[in-house]
Amino acid sequence: MAPKYPGNKPEEILEMEDLSYIIGIGFSGADLPRAVILAFLFAMFAQGNGNIWKAGLLALLIDRTVWPIAAMGASGAELQSVYSAIAGMAKSFKADLGIYIVRYIGLVLMIGGFRWMRAWIHGMSPKKAAA
């Protein structure tokens, strides 16, 4: 007996499961603190009304390439292991594109949220007394 789907087409249900899988992988539990730290730092050191899309792109670059390679180097991995990790990132880029997009959007939203919070905190400063 075939499983019953709540929708009209079983293909639609499977596509939604793929989307939830990509979103789950994009922000897994181990990567979330790293993303929050990067978003917080990029939001706190941003100058004026800079473009948060560019800041998100730079944060994604650090999050997905620089941070893992630096961690491998700091942990004492051999040079061949680092090279193979870089080659693996390059080979799987197309397959992981959905994860990168979800991660980028999440980083941009977190940077925007932290920038809003910074502006809100600065807006709460006490009023200056009239001289």
C-alpha atoms as a PDB file:
ATOM      1  CA  MET A   1       0.000   0.000   0.000  1.00  0.00           C
ATOM      2  CA  ALA A   2       1.389   3.413  -0.994  1.00  0.00           C
ATOM      3  CA  PRO A   3       1.889   6.063   1.700  1.00  0.00           C
ATOM      4  CA  LYS A   4      -0.729   8.788   1.880  1.00  0.00           C
ATOM      5  CA  TYR A   5       0.404  12.361   1.333  1.00  0.00           C
ATOM      6  CA  PRO A   6      -1.529  15.379   2.585  1.00  0.00           C
ATOM      7  CA  GLY A   7      -0.912  17.267  -0.696  1.00  0.00           C
ATOM      8  CA  ASN A   8      -2.134  16.510  -4.175  1.00  0.00           C
ATOM      9  CA  LYS A   9       1.242  15.476  -5.560  1.00  0.00           C
ATOM     10  CA  PRO A  10       3.831  13.399  -3.704  1.00  0.00           C
ATOM     11  CA  GLU A  11       6.619  15.222  -5.580  1.00  0.00           C
ATOM     12  CA  GLU A  12       5.717  18.498  -3.844  1.00  0.00           C
ATOM     13  CA  ILE A  13       6.079  16.882  -0.437  1.00  0.00           C
ATOM     14  CA  LEU A  14       9.498  15.486  -1.310  1.00  0.00           C
ATOM     15  CA  GLU A  15      10.666  18.901  -2.546  1.00  0.00           C
ATOM     16  CA  MET A  16       9.641  20.472   0.756  1.00  0.00           C
ATOM     17  CA  GLU A  17      11.565  17.779   2.635  1.00  0.00           C
ATOM     18  CA  ASP A  18      14.636  18.663   0.567  1.00  0.00           C
ATOM     19  CA  LEU A  19      14.166  22.341   1.432  1.00  0.00           C
ATOM     20  CA  SER A  20      13.873  21.607   5.144  1.00  0.00           C
ATOM     21  CA  TYR A  21      16.997  19.427   4.869  1.00  0.00           C
ATOM     22  CA  ILE A  22      18.958  22.250   3.201  1.00  0.00           C
ATOM     23  CA  ILE A  23      17.808  24.761   5.823  1.00  0.00           C
ATOM     24  CA  GLY A  24      18.689  22.315   8.594  1.00  0.00           C
ATOM     25  CA  ILE A  25      22.166  21.772   7.174  1.00  0.00           C
ATOM     26  CA  GLY A  26      22.666  25.499   6.511  1.00  0.00           C
ATOM     27  CA  PHE A  27      22.359  26.263  10.211  1.00  0.00           C
ATOM     28  CA  SER A  28      23.232  23.131  12.103  1.00  0.00           C
ATOM     29  CA  GLY A  29      23.919  23.239  15.818  1.00  0.00           C
ATOM     30  CA  ALA A  30      27.705  23.146  15.530  1.00  0.00           C
ATOM     31  CA  ASP A  31      27.903  26.003  13.017  1.00  0.00           C
ATOM     32  CA  LEU A  32      25.402  28.314  14.689  1.00  0.00           C
ATOM     33  CA  PRO A  33      27.733  29.846  17.328  1.00  0.00           C
ATOM     34  CA  ARG A  34      30.297  30.592  14.624  1.00  0.00           C
ATOM     35  CA  ALA A  35      27.658  32.322  12.493  1.00  0.00           C
ATOM     36  CA  VAL A  36      26.368  34.363  15.439  1.00  0.00           C
ATOM     37  CA  ILE A  37      29.908  35.467  16.362  1.00  0.00           C
ATOM     38  CA  LEU A  38      30.679  36.521  12.784  1.00  0.00           C
ATOM     39  CA  ALA A  39      27.359  38.342  12.360  1.00  0.00           C
ATOM     40  CA  PHE A  40      27.817  40.140  15.678  1.00  0.00           C
ATOM     41  CA  LEU A  41      31.355  41.250  14.833  1.00  0.00           C
ATOM     42  CA  PHE A  42      30.404  42.417  11.343  1.00  0.00           C
ATOM     43  CA  ALA A  43      27.433  44.343  12.738  1.00  0.00           C
ATOM     44  CA  MET A  44      29.402  45.987  15.544  1.00  0.00           C
ATOM     45  CA  PHE A  45      32.309  47.131  13.399  1.00  0.00           C
ATOM     46  CA  ALA A  46      30.232  48.307  10.436  1.00  0.00           C
ATOM     47  CA  GLN A  47      30.675  51.941   9.493  1.00  0.00           C
ATOM     48  CA  GLY A  48      27.527  54.030   9.096  1.00  0.00           C
ATOM     49  CA  ASN A  49      24.908  52.691   6.731  1.00  0.00           C
ATOM     50  CA  GLY A  50      27.188  50.342   4.811  1.00  0.00           C
ATOM     51  CA  ASN A  51      25.800  47.653   2.587  1.00  0.00           C
ATOM     52  CA  ILE A  52      24.909  44.620   4.718  1.00  0.00           C
ATOM     53  CA  TRP A  53      24.740  42.420   1.597  1.00  0.00           C
ATOM     54  CA  LYS A  54      28.478  42.916   1.042  1.00  0.00           C
ATOM     55  CA  ALA A  55      29.159  42.376   4.738  1.00  0.00           C
ATOM     56  CA  GLY A  56      27.131  39.152   4.550  1.00  0.00           C
ATOM     57  CA  LEU A  57      29.150  37.990   1.552  1.00  0.00           C
ATOM     58  CA  LEU A  58      32.422  38.642   3.356  1.00  0.00           C
ATOM     59  CA  ALA A  59      31.085  36.897   6.477  1.00  0.00           C
ATOM     60  CA  LEU A  60      30.073  33.903   4.332  1.00  0.00           C
ATOM     61  CA  LEU A  61      33.547  33.773   2.796  1.00  0.00           C
ATOM     62  CA  ILE A  62      35.135  33.777   6.243  1.00  0.00           C
ATOM     63  CA  ASP A  63      32.564  31.325   7.605  1.00  0.00           C
ATOM     64  CA  ARG A  64      32.868  28.736   4.853  1.00  0.00           C
ATOM     65  CA  THR A  65      36.506  28.995   3.760  1.00  0.00           C
ATOM     66  CA  VAL A  66      38.830  30.947   6.041  1.00  0.00           C
ATOM     67  CA  TRP A  67      37.545  29.689   9.398  1.00  0.00           C
ATOM     68  CA  PRO A  68      37.651  25.938   8.579  1.00  0.00           C
ATOM     69  CA  ILE A  69      41.088  26.171   6.949  1.00  0.00           C
ATOM     70  CA  ALA A  70      42.463  28.208   9.856  1.00  0.00           C
ATOM     71  CA  ALA A  71      41.007  25.678  12.293  1.00  0.00           C
ATOM     72  CA  MET A  72      42.696  22.839  10.422  1.00  0.00           C
ATOM     73  CA  GLY A  73      45.997  24.690  10.513  1.00  0.00           C
ATOM     74  CA  ALA A  74      45.644  25.511  14.209  1.00  0.00           C
ATOM     75  CA  SER A  75      44.858  21.903  15.054  1.00  0.00           C
ATOM     76  CA  GLY A  76      48.060  20.733  13.406  1.00  0.00           C
ATOM     77  CA  ALA A  77      46.657  19.128  10.267  1.00  0.00           C
ATOM     78  CA  GLU A  78      49.167  18.217   7.597  1.00  0.00           C
ATOM     79  CA  LEU A  79      49.447  20.409   4.535  1.00  0.00           C
ATOM     80  CA  GLN A  80      48.090  17.670   2.264  1.00  0.00           C
ATOM     81  CA  SER A  81      44.954  17.470   4.416  1.00  0.00           C
ATOM     82  CA  VAL A  82      44.410  21.214   4.094  1.00  0.00           C
ATOM     83  CA  TYR A  83      44.915  21.046   0.314  1.00  0.00           C
ATOM     84  CA  SER A  84      42.482  18.154  -0.006  1.00  0.00           C
ATOM     85  CA  ALA A  85      39.908  20.042   2.076  1.00  0.00           C
ATOM     86  CA  ILE A  86      40.226  23.048  -0.239  1.00  0.00           C
ATOM     87  CA  ALA A  87      39.869  20.780  -3.285  1.00  0.00           C
ATOM     88  CA  GLY A  88      36.832  19.147  -1.689  1.00  0.00           C
ATOM     89  CA  MET A  89      35.234  22.563  -1.120  1.00  0.00           C
ATOM     90  CA  ALA A  90      35.828  23.481  -4.752  1.00  0.00           C
ATOM     91  CA  LYS A  91      34.430  20.165  -6.040  1.00  0.00           C
ATOM     92  CA  SER A  92      31.301  20.249  -3.890  1.00  0.00           C
ATOM     93  CA  PHE A  93      30.528  23.945  -4.443  1.00  0.00           C
ATOM     94  CA  LYS A  94      27.763  23.313  -6.977  1.00  0.00           C
ATOM     95  CA  ALA A  95      26.167  20.591  -4.851  1.00  0.00           C
ATOM     96  CA  ASP A  96      26.311  22.769  -1.723  1.00  0.00           C
ATOM     97  CA  LEU A  97      25.030  25.934  -3.397  1.00  0.00           C
ATOM     98  CA  GLY A  98      21.641  25.709  -1.672  1.00  0.00           C
ATOM     99  CA  ILE A  99      23.341  25.492   1.705  1.00  0.00           C
ATOM    100  CA  TYR A 100      25.500  28.521   0.877  1.00  0.00           C
ATOM    101  CA  ILE A 101      22.447  30.544  -0.150  1.00  0.00           C
ATOM    102  CA  VAL A 102      20.596  29.678   3.065  1.00  0.00           C
ATOM    103  CA  ARG A 103      23.687  30.475   5.122  1.00  0.00           C
ATOM    104  CA  TYR A 104      24.180  33.803   3.294  1.00  0.00           C
ATOM    105  CA  ILE A 105      20.591  34.899   3.841  1.00  0.00           C
ATOM    106  CA  GLY A 106      20.802  33.892   7.496  1.00  0.00           C
ATOM    107  CA  LEU A 107      24.039  35.828   7.992  1.00  0.00           C
ATOM    108  CA  VAL A 108      22.576  38.921   6.319  1.00  0.00           C
ATOM    109  CA  LEU A 109      19.481  38.748   8.526  1.00  0.00           C
ATOM    110  CA  MET A 110      21.587  38.330  11.668  1.00  0.00           C
ATOM    111  CA  ILE A 111      23.883  41.215  10.690  1.00  0.00           C
ATOM    112  CA  GLY A 112      20.838  43.396  10.044  1.00  0.00           C
ATOM    113  CA  GLY A 113      19.320  42.390  13.374  1.00  0.00           C
ATOM    114  CA  PHE A 114      22.497  43.140  15.291  1.00  0.00           C
ATOM    115  CA  ARG A 115      22.859  46.505  13.514  1.00  0.00           C
ATOM    116  CA  TRP A 116      19.276  47.367  14.439  1.00  0.00           C
ATOM    117  CA  MET A 117      19.987  46.360  18.049  1.00  0.00           C
ATOM    118  CA  ARG A 118      23.125  48.532  18.085  1.00  0.00           C
ATOM    119  CA  ALA A 119      21.181  51.541  16.766  1.00  0.00           C
ATOM    120  CA  TRP A 120      18.403  50.924  19.303  1.00  0.00           C
ATOM    121  CA  ILE A 121      20.890  50.772  22.193  1.00  0.00           C
ATOM    122  CA  HIS A 122      22.582  53.977  21.034  1.00  0.00           C
ATOM    123  CA  GLY A 123      19.160  55.629  20.785  1.00  0.00           C
ATOM    124  CA  MET A 124      18.488  54.910  24.457  1.00  0.00           C
ATOM    125  CA  SER A 125      21.222  57.274  25.656  1.00  0.00           C
ATOM    126  CA  PRO A 126      20.143  59.715  28.371  1.00  0.00           C
ATOM    127  CA  LYS A 127      19.000  63.149  27.270  1.00  0.00           C
ATOM    128  CA  LYS A 128      21.490  65.952  27.762  1.00  0.00           C
ATOM    129  CA  ALA A 129      20.447  68.677  30.168  1.00  0.00           C
ATOM    130  CA  ALA A 130      19.990  72.149  28.747  1.00  0.00           C
ATOM    131  CA  ALA A 131      22.900  74.438  29.599  1.00  0.00           C
END
